[in-house]
Amino acid sequence: MTYQQSLDLAELEADIAYEKFLEAFEADEHPEILEQLNVEASIARHRYYEAYNADLAL
């Protein structure tokens, strides 16, 4: 897998995690579920930003 493919995958995973959070929020899920999905989305977005910024350091 190339660097660009890895970066694209990380971005896609972050977007999917955020979409899951939004769907749960709109469905008025339990606060604990919302918090867990929010944490997962934040971690996924952080991974994407780390991968993106690692390329800038090269």
PDB file of N, CA and C in Angstrom:
ATOM      1  N   MET A   1       0.850  -1.164   0.000  1.00  0.00           N
ATOM      2  CA  MET A   1       0.000   0.000   0.000  1.00  0.00           C
ATOM      3  C   MET A   1       0.903   1.236   0.000  1.00  0.00           C
ATOM      4  N   THR A   2       0.599   2.167  -0.874  1.00  0.00           N
ATOM      5  CA  THR A   2       1.398   3.385  -0.941  1.00  0.00           C
ATOM      6  C   THR A   2       1.025   4.325   0.202  1.00  0.00           C
ATOM      7  N   TYR A   3       1.861   5.333   0.376  1.00  0.00           N
ATOM      8  CA  TYR A   3       1.573   6.325   1.414  1.00  0.00           C
ATOM      9  C   TYR A   3       0.238   7.006   1.135  1.00  0.00           C
ATOM     10  N   GLN A   4       0.014   7.381  -0.119  1.00  0.00           N
ATOM     11  CA  GLN A   4      -1.236   8.068  -0.470  1.00  0.00           C
ATOM     12  C   GLN A   4      -2.448   7.182  -0.207  1.00  0.00           C
ATOM     13  N   GLN A   5      -2.335   5.890  -0.494  1.00  0.00           N
ATOM     14  CA  GLN A   5      -3.442   4.972  -0.223  1.00  0.00           C
ATOM     15  C   GLN A   5      -3.694   4.869   1.274  1.00  0.00           C
ATOM     16  N   SER A   6      -2.626   4.828   2.063  1.00  0.00           N
ATOM     17  CA  SER A   6      -2.771   4.780   3.523  1.00  0.00           C
ATOM     18  C   SER A   6      -3.426   6.040   4.048  1.00  0.00           C
ATOM     19  N   LEU A   7      -3.032   7.165   3.487  1.00  0.00           N
ATOM     20  CA  LEU A   7      -3.617   8.435   3.896  1.00  0.00           C
ATOM     21  C   LEU A   7      -5.097   8.490   3.517  1.00  0.00           C
ATOM     22  N   ASP A   8      -5.426   8.047   2.313  1.00  0.00           N
ATOM     23  CA  ASP A   8      -6.822   8.021   1.880  1.00  0.00           C
ATOM     24  C   ASP A   8      -7.657   7.098   2.757  1.00  0.00           C
ATOM     25  N   LEU A   9      -7.100   5.952   3.121  1.00  0.00           N
ATOM     26  CA  LEU A   9      -7.808   5.012   3.987  1.00  0.00           C
ATOM     27  C   LEU A   9      -8.044   5.617   5.367  1.00  0.00           C
ATOM     28  N   ALA A  10      -7.048   6.273   5.909  1.00  0.00           N
ATOM     29  CA  ALA A  10      -7.200   6.914   7.222  1.00  0.00           C
ATOM     30  C   ALA A  10      -8.277   7.989   7.170  1.00  0.00           C
ATOM     31  N   GLU A  11      -8.319   8.738   6.091  1.00  0.00           N
ATOM     32  CA  GLU A  11      -9.346   9.771   5.951  1.00  0.00           C
ATOM     33  C   GLU A  11     -10.733   9.141   5.841  1.00  0.00           C
ATOM     34  N   LEU A  12     -10.844   8.084   5.075  1.00  0.00           N
ATOM     35  CA  LEU A  12     -12.118   7.389   4.917  1.00  0.00           C
ATOM     36  C   LEU A  12     -12.600   6.817   6.254  1.00  0.00           C
ATOM     37  N   GLU A  13     -11.702   6.202   7.003  1.00  0.00           N
ATOM     38  CA  GLU A  13     -12.066   5.642   8.312  1.00  0.00           C
ATOM     39  C   GLU A  13     -12.540   6.747   9.256  1.00  0.00           C
ATOM     40  N   ALA A  14     -11.878   7.896   9.215  1.00  0.00           N
ATOM     41  CA  ALA A  14     -12.285   9.017  10.063  1.00  0.00           C
ATOM     42  C   ALA A  14     -13.666   9.525   9.660  1.00  0.00           C
ATOM     43  N   ASP A  15     -13.900   9.617   8.371  1.00  0.00           N
ATOM     44  CA  ASP A  15     -15.209  10.074   7.891  1.00  0.00           C
ATOM     45  C   ASP A  15     -16.321   9.099   8.278  1.00  0.00           C
ATOM     46  N   ILE A  16     -16.056   7.811   8.157  1.00  0.00           N
ATOM     47  CA  ILE A  16     -17.056   6.795   8.514  1.00  0.00           C
ATOM     48  C   ILE A  16     -17.356   6.851  10.014  1.00  0.00           C
ATOM     49  N   ALA A  17     -16.319   6.979  10.822  1.00  0.00           N
ATOM     50  CA  ALA A  17     -16.513   7.047  12.273  1.00  0.00           C
ATOM     51  C   ALA A  17     -17.348   8.268  12.644  1.00  0.00           C
ATOM     52  N   TYR A  18     -17.095   9.387  11.977  1.00  0.00           N
ATOM     53  CA  TYR A  18     -17.863  10.593  12.269  1.00  0.00           C
ATOM     54  C   TYR A  18     -19.320  10.440  11.823  1.00  0.00           C
ATOM     55  N   GLU A  19     -19.523   9.812  10.684  1.00  0.00           N
ATOM     56  CA  GLU A  19     -20.889   9.568  10.202  1.00  0.00           C
ATOM     57  C   GLU A  19     -21.667   8.674  11.170  1.00  0.00           C
ATOM     58  N   LYS A  20     -21.010   7.660  11.713  1.00  0.00           N
ATOM     59  CA  LYS A  20     -21.668   6.792  12.696  1.00  0.00           C
ATOM     60  C   LYS A  20     -22.085   7.599  13.922  1.00  0.00           C
ATOM     61  N   PHE A  21     -21.206   8.501  14.349  1.00  0.00           N
ATOM     62  CA  PHE A  21     -21.535   9.349  15.489  1.00  0.00           C
ATOM     63  C   PHE A  21     -22.757  10.221  15.174  1.00  0.00           C
ATOM     64  N   LEU A  22     -22.759  10.860  14.004  1.00  0.00           N
ATOM     65  CA  LEU A  22     -23.881  11.719  13.635  1.00  0.00           C
ATOM     66  C   LEU A  22     -25.192  10.947  13.548  1.00  0.00           C
ATOM     67  N   GLU A  23     -25.142   9.745  12.980  1.00  0.00           N
ATOM     68  CA  GLU A  23     -26.351   8.924  12.882  1.00  0.00           C
ATOM     69  C   GLU A  23     -26.884   8.574  14.267  1.00  0.00           C
ATOM     70  N   ALA A  24     -25.988   8.231  15.168  1.00  0.00           N
ATOM     71  CA  ALA A  24     -26.411   7.899  16.531  1.00  0.00           C
ATOM     72  C   ALA A  24     -26.963   9.123  17.243  1.00  0.00           C
ATOM     73  N   PHE A  25     -26.346  10.272  17.014  1.00  0.00           N
ATOM     74  CA  PHE A  25     -26.822  11.508  17.622  1.00  0.00           C
ATOM     75  C   PHE A  25     -28.224  11.840  17.139  1.00  0.00           C
ATOM     76  N   GLU A  26     -28.436  11.733  15.833  1.00  0.00           N
ATOM     77  CA  GLU A  26     -29.743  12.031  15.255  1.00  0.00           C
ATOM     78  C   GLU A  26     -30.805  11.021  15.707  1.00  0.00           C
ATOM     79  N   ALA A  27     -30.382   9.789  16.003  1.00  0.00           N
ATOM     80  CA  ALA A  27     -31.310   8.765  16.471  1.00  0.00           C
ATOM     81  C   ALA A  27     -31.539   8.866  17.979  1.00  0.00           C
ATOM     82  N   ASP A  28     -30.902   9.859  18.615  1.00  0.00           N
ATOM     83  CA  ASP A  28     -31.046  10.089  20.049  1.00  0.00           C
ATOM     84  C   ASP A  28     -30.642   8.858  20.866  1.00  0.00           C
ATOM     85  N   GLU A  29     -29.485   8.312  20.499  1.00  0.00           N
ATOM     86  CA  GLU A  29     -28.953   7.151  21.227  1.00  0.00           C
ATOM     87  C   GLU A  29     -28.571   7.539  22.662  1.00  0.00           C
ATOM     88  N   HIS A  30     -28.315   6.528  23.452  1.00  0.00           N
ATOM     89  CA  HIS A  30     -27.918   6.711  24.846  1.00  0.00           C
ATOM     90  C   HIS A  30     -26.619   7.528  24.900  1.00  0.00           C
ATOM     91  N   PRO A  31     -26.478   8.414  25.887  1.00  0.00           N
ATOM     92  CA  PRO A  31     -25.275   9.254  25.976  1.00  0.00           C
ATOM     93  C   PRO A  31     -23.960   8.468  26.007  1.00  0.00           C
ATOM     94  N   GLU A  32     -23.953   7.303  26.620  1.00  0.00           N
ATOM     95  CA  GLU A  32     -22.714   6.512  26.661  1.00  0.00           C
ATOM     96  C   GLU A  32     -22.325   6.032  25.264  1.00  0.00           C
ATOM     97  N   ILE A  33     -23.302   5.668  24.463  1.00  0.00           N
ATOM     98  CA  ILE A  33     -23.027   5.249  23.086  1.00  0.00           C
ATOM     99  C   ILE A  33     -22.498   6.436  22.291  1.00  0.00           C
ATOM    100  N   LEU A  34     -23.117   7.586  22.463  1.00  0.00           N
ATOM    101  CA  LEU A  34     -22.655   8.781  21.769  1.00  0.00           C
ATOM    102  C   LEU A  34     -21.228   9.127  22.155  1.00  0.00           C
ATOM    103  N   GLU A  35     -20.928   9.022  23.428  1.00  0.00           N
ATOM    104  CA  GLU A  35     -19.568   9.328  23.890  1.00  0.00           C
ATOM    105  C   GLU A  35     -18.551   8.363  23.285  1.00  0.00           C
ATOM    106  N   GLN A  36     -18.882   7.082  23.264  1.00  0.00           N
ATOM    107  CA  GLN A  36     -17.980   6.089  22.689  1.00  0.00           C
ATOM    108  C   GLN A  36     -17.740   6.359  21.200  1.00  0.00           C
ATOM    109  N   LEU A  37     -18.808   6.647  20.471  1.00  0.00           N
ATOM    110  CA  LEU A  37     -18.670   6.934  19.042  1.00  0.00           C
ATOM    111  C   LEU A  37     -17.896   8.232  18.811  1.00  0.00           C
ATOM    112  N   ASN A  38     -18.095   9.196  19.683  1.00  0.00           N
ATOM    113  CA  ASN A  38     -17.343  10.444  19.579  1.00  0.00           C
ATOM    114  C   ASN A  38     -15.856  10.203  19.804  1.00  0.00           C
ATOM    115  N   VAL A  39     -15.533   9.376  20.785  1.00  0.00           N
ATOM    116  CA  VAL A  39     -14.134   9.053  21.058  1.00  0.00           C
ATOM    117  C   VAL A  39     -13.523   8.323  19.860  1.00  0.00           C
ATOM    118  N   GLU A  40     -14.244   7.357  19.317  1.00  0.00           N
ATOM    119  CA  GLU A  40     -13.745   6.622  18.158  1.00  0.00           C
ATOM    120  C   GLU A  40     -13.518   7.551  16.970  1.00  0.00           C
ATOM    121  N   ALA A  41     -14.434   8.471  16.741  1.00  0.00           N
ATOM    122  CA  ALA A  41     -14.288   9.426  15.641  1.00  0.00           C
ATOM    123  C   ALA A  41     -13.090  10.345  15.875  1.00  0.00           C
ATOM    124  N   SER A  42     -12.900  10.761  17.111  1.00  0.00           N
ATOM    125  CA  SER A  42     -11.767  11.628  17.436  1.00  0.00           C
ATOM    126  C   SER A  42     -10.440  10.908  17.233  1.00  0.00           C
ATOM    127  N   ILE A  43     -10.378   9.664  17.639  1.00  0.00           N
ATOM    128  CA  ILE A  43      -9.156   8.880  17.463  1.00  0.00           C
ATOM    129  C   ILE A  43      -8.863   8.683  15.977  1.00  0.00           C
ATOM    130  N   ALA A  44      -9.892   8.361  15.210  1.00  0.00           N
ATOM    131  CA  ALA A  44      -9.706   8.155  13.773  1.00  0.00           C
ATOM    132  C   ALA A  44      -9.229   9.439  13.100  1.00  0.00           C
ATOM    133  N   ARG A  45      -9.818  10.567  13.470  1.00  0.00           N
ATOM    134  CA  ARG A  45      -9.411  11.849  12.891  1.00  0.00           C
ATOM    135  C   ARG A  45      -7.978  12.178  13.300  1.00  0.00           C
ATOM    136  N   HIS A  46      -7.621  11.887  14.534  1.00  0.00           N
ATOM    137  CA  HIS A  46      -6.254  12.128  15.013  1.00  0.00           C
ATOM    138  C   HIS A  46      -5.254  11.289  14.219  1.00  0.00           C
ATOM    139  N   ARG A  47      -5.588  10.027  13.965  1.00  0.00           N
ATOM    140  CA  ARG A  47      -4.708   9.171  13.161  1.00  0.00           C
ATOM    141  C   ARG A  47      -4.503   9.749  11.769  1.00  0.00           C
ATOM    142  N   TYR A  48      -5.586  10.249  11.186  1.00  0.00           N
ATOM    143  CA  TYR A  48      -5.486  10.853   9.857  1.00  0.00           C
ATOM    144  C   TYR A  48      -4.548  12.061   9.898  1.00  0.00           C
ATOM    145  N   TYR A  49      -4.753  12.957  10.861  1.00  0.00           N
ATOM    146  CA  TYR A  49      -3.911  14.148  10.950  1.00  0.00           C
ATOM    147  C   TYR A  49      -2.455  13.793  11.212  1.00  0.00           C
ATOM    148  N   GLU A  50      -2.204  12.784  12.024  1.00  0.00           N
ATOM    149  CA  GLU A  50      -0.825  12.347  12.261  1.00  0.00           C
ATOM    150  C   GLU A  50      -0.182  11.845  10.973  1.00  0.00           C
ATOM    151  N   ALA A  51      -0.918  11.039  10.220  1.00  0.00           N
ATOM    152  CA  ALA A  51      -0.390  10.517   8.956  1.00  0.00           C
ATOM    153  C   ALA A  51      -0.163  11.655   7.961  1.00  0.00           C
ATOM    154  N   TYR A  52      -1.090  12.582   7.899  1.00  0.00           N
ATOM    155  CA  TYR A  52      -0.971  13.717   6.989  1.00  0.00           C
ATOM    156  C   TYR A  52       0.230  14.581   7.350  1.00  0.00           C
ATOM    157  N   ASN A  53       0.376  14.888   8.624  1.00  0.00           N
ATOM    158  CA  ASN A  53       1.474  15.740   9.068  1.00  0.00           C
ATOM    159  C   ASN A  53       2.815  15.030   8.997  1.00  0.00           C
ATOM    160  N   ALA A  54       2.838  13.724   9.054  1.00  0.00           N
ATOM    161  CA  ALA A  54       4.100  12.989   8.934  1.00  0.00           C
ATOM    162  C   ALA A  54       4.681  13.209   7.554  1.00  0.00           C
ATOM    163  N   ASP A  55       3.829  13.286   6.544  1.00  0.00           N
ATOM    164  CA  ASP A  55       4.292  13.533   5.181  1.00  0.00           C
ATOM    165  C   ASP A  55       4.913  14.921   5.074  1.00  0.00           C
ATOM    166  N   LEU A  56       4.373  15.882   5.757  1.00  0.00           N
ATOM    167  CA  LEU A  56       4.904  17.249   5.699  1.00  0.00           C
ATOM    168  C   LEU A  56       6.291  17.349   6.338  1.00  0.00           C
ATOM    169  N   ALA A  57       6.587  16.437   7.243  1.00  0.00           N
ATOM    170  CA  ALA A  57       7.877  16.464   7.935  1.00  0.00           C
ATOM    171  C   ALA A  57       8.994  15.889   7.069  1.00  0.00           C
ATOM    172  N   LEU A  58       8.643  15.196   6.000  1.00  0.00           N
ATOM    173  CA  LEU A  58       9.667  14.575   5.143  1.00  0.00           C
ATOM    174  C   LEU A  58      10.391  15.569   4.319  1.00  0.00           C
TER     175      LEU A  58
END
